[in-house]
């Protein structure tokens, strides 16, 4: 019996992002490759206050699963902000993701077919290459200007 996994399942073995992130725990290495934010800039105290307020107000509801499109009041707030900036929006135009990688994965699922050509900047965002590569795409590089 042969391998019954999809071809794309075997592509994750050489994930470049995973290789980069493996070295971040080494204090002797300063990596400019992964695009990691500076940890000293994280607003830890402010986040403690926000978390505490959310738990005080919403308790265990805050830890429960929610709608897949994201927290409705947040989607409404984002839509209102966009409308105020001249981009008419409703909460139905907004999808909250867990980060850029999830957003790229969803975009790939919606817009990319196997063998599609994708135009990318040169250099481009490594995470996009990783997310879109499972569709066996071809990349067409476009040089960036000044």
C-alpha atoms as a PDB file:
ATOM      1  CA  UNK A   1       0.000   0.000   0.000  1.00  0.00           C
ATOM      2  CA  UNK A   2       1.493   3.325  -1.072  1.00  0.00           C
ATOM      3  CA  UNK A   3       1.428   6.750   0.473  1.00  0.00           C
ATOM      4  CA  UNK A   4      -2.174   7.956   0.460  1.00  0.00           C
ATOM      5  CA  UNK A   5      -1.409  11.529   1.502  1.00  0.00           C
ATOM      6  CA  UNK A   6      -2.057  14.373  -0.935  1.00  0.00           C
ATOM      7  CA  UNK A   7       1.085  15.707  -2.638  1.00  0.00           C
ATOM      8  CA  UNK A   8       0.772  18.958  -0.719  1.00  0.00           C
ATOM      9  CA  UNK A   9       0.916  17.120   2.648  1.00  0.00           C
ATOM     10  CA  UNK A  10       4.547  16.203   2.028  1.00  0.00           C
ATOM     11  CA  UNK A  11       5.522  19.770   1.158  1.00  0.00           C
ATOM     12  CA  UNK A  12       5.524  20.892   4.802  1.00  0.00           C
ATOM     13  CA  UNK A  13       8.650  18.917   5.635  1.00  0.00           C
ATOM     14  CA  UNK A  14      11.007  21.632   4.341  1.00  0.00           C
ATOM     15  CA  UNK A  15       9.076  24.672   5.546  1.00  0.00           C
ATOM     16  CA  UNK A  16      11.515  27.594   5.442  1.00  0.00           C
ATOM     17  CA  UNK A  17       9.617  29.537   8.114  1.00  0.00           C
ATOM     18  CA  UNK A  18       9.904  26.633  10.540  1.00  0.00           C
ATOM     19  CA  UNK A  19      13.647  26.488   9.911  1.00  0.00           C
ATOM     20  CA  UNK A  20      14.000  30.198  10.655  1.00  0.00           C
ATOM     21  CA  UNK A  21      11.886  30.059  13.807  1.00  0.00           C
ATOM     22  CA  UNK A  22      13.890  27.112  15.204  1.00  0.00           C
ATOM     23  CA  UNK A  23      16.887  29.382  15.783  1.00  0.00           C
ATOM     24  CA  UNK A  24      15.078  32.182  17.645  1.00  0.00           C
ATOM     25  CA  UNK A  25      15.629  30.546  21.031  1.00  0.00           C
ATOM     26  CA  UNK A  26      19.389  30.749  20.580  1.00  0.00           C
ATOM     27  CA  UNK A  27      20.541  33.914  22.436  1.00  0.00           C
ATOM     28  CA  UNK A  28      23.694  34.062  20.282  1.00  0.00           C
ATOM     29  CA  UNK A  29      21.717  34.628  17.088  1.00  0.00           C
ATOM     30  CA  UNK A  30      20.070  37.839  15.979  1.00  0.00           C
ATOM     31  CA  UNK A  31      17.872  36.830  13.064  1.00  0.00           C
ATOM     32  CA  UNK A  32      16.632  39.398  10.585  1.00  0.00           C
ATOM     33  CA  UNK A  33      15.003  36.690   8.474  1.00  0.00           C
ATOM     34  CA  UNK A  34      11.795  35.950  10.341  1.00  0.00           C
ATOM     35  CA  UNK A  35      10.291  39.389  10.750  1.00  0.00           C
ATOM     36  CA  UNK A  36       9.789  38.894  14.474  1.00  0.00           C
ATOM     37  CA  UNK A  37       8.707  41.941  16.471  1.00  0.00           C
ATOM     38  CA  UNK A  38      11.013  43.244  19.168  1.00  0.00           C
ATOM     39  CA  UNK A  39       9.766  41.622  22.402  1.00  0.00           C
ATOM     40  CA  UNK A  40      10.654  44.671  24.488  1.00  0.00           C
ATOM     41  CA  UNK A  41       8.017  46.603  22.529  1.00  0.00           C
ATOM     42  CA  UNK A  42       5.152  44.321  23.558  1.00  0.00           C
ATOM     43  CA  UNK A  43       2.732  46.291  25.770  1.00  0.00           C
ATOM     44  CA  UNK A  44       2.677  43.652  28.509  1.00  0.00           C
ATOM     45  CA  UNK A  45       1.144  45.763  31.254  1.00  0.00           C
ATOM     46  CA  UNK A  46      -1.570  47.147  28.978  1.00  0.00           C
ATOM     47  CA  UNK A  47      -2.365  43.633  27.753  1.00  0.00           C
ATOM     48  CA  UNK A  48      -2.652  42.395  31.361  1.00  0.00           C
ATOM     49  CA  UNK A  49      -5.211  45.120  32.015  1.00  0.00           C
ATOM     50  CA  UNK A  50      -7.166  44.297  28.861  1.00  0.00           C
ATOM     51  CA  UNK A  51      -7.170  40.551  29.602  1.00  0.00           C
ATOM     52  CA  UNK A  52      -8.248  41.180  33.170  1.00  0.00           C
ATOM     53  CA  UNK A  53     -11.075  43.445  32.031  1.00  0.00           C
ATOM     54  CA  UNK A  54     -12.277  40.903  29.453  1.00  0.00           C
ATOM     55  CA  UNK A  55     -12.231  38.061  31.989  1.00  0.00           C
ATOM     56  CA  UNK A  56     -13.991  40.190  34.609  1.00  0.00           C
ATOM     57  CA  UNK A  57     -16.686  41.240  32.152  1.00  0.00           C
ATOM     58  CA  UNK A  58     -17.133  38.082  30.055  1.00  0.00           C
ATOM     59  CA  UNK A  59     -15.674  35.277  32.197  1.00  0.00           C
ATOM     60  CA  UNK A  60     -15.469  31.887  30.563  1.00  0.00           C
ATOM     61  CA  UNK A  61     -17.417  33.141  27.523  1.00  0.00           C
ATOM     62  CA  UNK A  62     -14.165  34.790  26.400  1.00  0.00           C
ATOM     63  CA  UNK A  63     -12.475  31.366  26.274  1.00  0.00           C
ATOM     64  CA  UNK A  64     -15.290  29.644  24.375  1.00  0.00           C
ATOM     65  CA  UNK A  65     -15.368  29.042  20.629  1.00  0.00           C
ATOM     66  CA  UNK A  66     -16.958  31.827  18.637  1.00  0.00           C
ATOM     67  CA  UNK A  67     -18.128  32.427  15.091  1.00  0.00           C
ATOM     68  CA  UNK A  68     -15.579  31.486  12.434  1.00  0.00           C
ATOM     69  CA  UNK A  69     -15.741  34.956  10.910  1.00  0.00           C
ATOM     70  CA  UNK A  70     -14.632  36.519  14.192  1.00  0.00           C
ATOM     71  CA  UNK A  71     -16.092  38.431  17.100  1.00  0.00           C
ATOM     72  CA  UNK A  72     -19.075  40.375  15.760  1.00  0.00           C
ATOM     73  CA  UNK A  73     -18.588  43.607  17.767  1.00  0.00           C
ATOM     74  CA  UNK A  74     -14.962  43.790  16.588  1.00  0.00           C
ATOM     75  CA  UNK A  75     -16.023  43.225  12.965  1.00  0.00           C
ATOM     76  CA  UNK A  76     -18.609  46.015  13.322  1.00  0.00           C
ATOM     77  CA  UNK A  77     -15.995  48.385  14.791  1.00  0.00           C
ATOM     78  CA  UNK A  78     -13.546  47.643  11.948  1.00  0.00           C
ATOM     79  CA  UNK A  79     -16.303  48.136   9.339  1.00  0.00           C
ATOM     80  CA  UNK A  80     -17.256  51.475  10.897  1.00  0.00           C
ATOM     81  CA  UNK A  81     -13.626  52.603  10.919  1.00  0.00           C
ATOM     82  CA  UNK A  82     -13.240  51.631   7.262  1.00  0.00           C
ATOM     83  CA  UNK A  83     -16.447  53.459   6.334  1.00  0.00           C
ATOM     84  CA  UNK A  84     -15.174  56.548   8.171  1.00  0.00           C
ATOM     85  CA  UNK A  85     -11.980  56.309   6.083  1.00  0.00           C
ATOM     86  CA  UNK A  86     -14.025  56.356   2.870  1.00  0.00           C
ATOM     87  CA  UNK A  87     -14.266  52.593   2.282  1.00  0.00           C
ATOM     88  CA  UNK A  88     -17.958  51.692   2.723  1.00  0.00           C
ATOM     89  CA  UNK A  89     -18.102  48.432   4.694  1.00  0.00           C
ATOM     90  CA  UNK A  90     -20.338  46.299   6.852  1.00  0.00           C
ATOM     91  CA  UNK A  91     -19.387  43.593   9.313  1.00  0.00           C
ATOM     92  CA  UNK A  92     -20.216  41.077   6.575  1.00  0.00           C
ATOM     93  CA  UNK A  93     -17.198  42.400   4.627  1.00  0.00           C
ATOM     94  CA  UNK A  94     -14.852  41.650   7.539  1.00  0.00           C
ATOM     95  CA  UNK A  95     -13.193  38.347   8.442  1.00  0.00           C
ATOM     96  CA  UNK A  96     -10.966  38.148  11.507  1.00  0.00           C
ATOM     97  CA  UNK A  97      -8.011  35.758  11.204  1.00  0.00           C
ATOM     98  CA  UNK A  98      -5.474  34.515  13.723  1.00  0.00           C
ATOM     99  CA  UNK A  99      -2.663  36.147  11.761  1.00  0.00           C
ATOM    100  CA  UNK A 100      -1.208  36.699   8.341  1.00  0.00           C
ATOM    101  CA  UNK A 101      -0.476  33.009   7.755  1.00  0.00           C
ATOM    102  CA  UNK A 102      -4.124  32.038   8.249  1.00  0.00           C
ATOM    103  CA  UNK A 103      -5.213  34.875   5.961  1.00  0.00           C
ATOM    104  CA  UNK A 104      -2.759  33.754   3.262  1.00  0.00           C
ATOM    105  CA  UNK A 105      -3.963  30.163   3.598  1.00  0.00           C
ATOM    106  CA  UNK A 106      -7.585  31.239   3.148  1.00  0.00           C
ATOM    107  CA  UNK A 107      -6.709  33.423   0.157  1.00  0.00           C
ATOM    108  CA  UNK A 108      -4.931  30.476  -1.442  1.00  0.00           C
ATOM    109  CA  UNK A 109      -7.912  28.194  -0.911  1.00  0.00           C
ATOM    110  CA  UNK A 110     -10.245  30.732  -2.496  1.00  0.00           C
ATOM    111  CA  UNK A 111      -8.212  32.106  -5.401  1.00  0.00           C
ATOM    112  CA  UNK A 112      -5.435  29.674  -6.394  1.00  0.00           C
ATOM    113  CA  UNK A 113      -5.710  26.605  -8.598  1.00  0.00           C
ATOM    114  CA  UNK A 114      -2.897  24.127  -9.140  1.00  0.00           C
ATOM    115  CA  UNK A 115      -0.423  25.461 -11.675  1.00  0.00           C
ATOM    116  CA  UNK A 116      -1.526  29.104 -11.471  1.00  0.00           C
ATOM    117  CA  UNK A 117       1.075  31.792 -12.027  1.00  0.00           C
ATOM    118  CA  UNK A 118       1.362  34.281  -9.188  1.00  0.00           C
ATOM    119  CA  UNK A 119       3.028  37.653  -9.555  1.00  0.00           C
ATOM    120  CA  UNK A 120       5.210  38.452  -6.545  1.00  0.00           C
ATOM    121  CA  UNK A 121       7.559  41.279  -5.628  1.00  0.00           C
ATOM    122  CA  UNK A 122      11.250  40.520  -5.666  1.00  0.00           C
ATOM    123  CA  UNK A 123      12.139  40.073  -2.885  1.00  0.00           C
ATOM    124  CA  UNK A 124       8.814  38.805  -1.574  1.00  0.00           C
ATOM    125  CA  UNK A 125       7.206  37.688   1.656  1.00  0.00           C
ATOM    126  CA  UNK A 126       8.499  34.215   2.534  1.00  0.00           C
ATOM    127  CA  UNK A 127       5.267  33.264   4.304  1.00  0.00           C
ATOM    128  CA  UNK A 128       3.283  33.871   1.103  1.00  0.00           C
ATOM    129  CA  UNK A 129       5.576  31.545  -0.836  1.00  0.00           C
ATOM    130  CA  UNK A 130       5.102  28.947   1.900  1.00  0.00           C
ATOM    131  CA  UNK A 131       1.306  29.324   1.967  1.00  0.00           C
ATOM    132  CA  UNK A 132       0.821  29.321  -1.798  1.00  0.00           C
ATOM    133  CA  UNK A 133       3.423  26.672  -2.642  1.00  0.00           C
ATOM    134  CA  UNK A 134       1.115  23.803  -1.686  1.00  0.00           C
ATOM    135  CA  UNK A 135      -0.938  24.631  -4.782  1.00  0.00           C
ATOM    136  CA  UNK A 136       2.042  23.851  -7.036  1.00  0.00           C
ATOM    137  CA  UNK A 137       2.123  27.395  -8.330  1.00  0.00           C
ATOM    138  CA  UNK A 138       4.619  29.185 -10.506  1.00  0.00           C
ATOM    139  CA  UNK A 139       5.948  32.520  -9.303  1.00  0.00           C
ATOM    140  CA  UNK A 140       6.641  35.417 -11.643  1.00  0.00           C
ATOM    141  CA  UNK A 141       8.954  37.891  -9.958  1.00  0.00           C
ATOM    142  CA  UNK A 142       8.547  41.622 -10.488  1.00  0.00           C
ATOM    143  CA  UNK A 143      11.483  43.761  -9.383  1.00  0.00           C
ATOM    144  CA  UNK A 144      10.660  46.478  -6.869  1.00  0.00           C
ATOM    145  CA  UNK A 145      11.516  50.070  -7.694  1.00  0.00           C
ATOM    146  CA  UNK A 146      13.017  52.697  -5.389  1.00  0.00           C
END
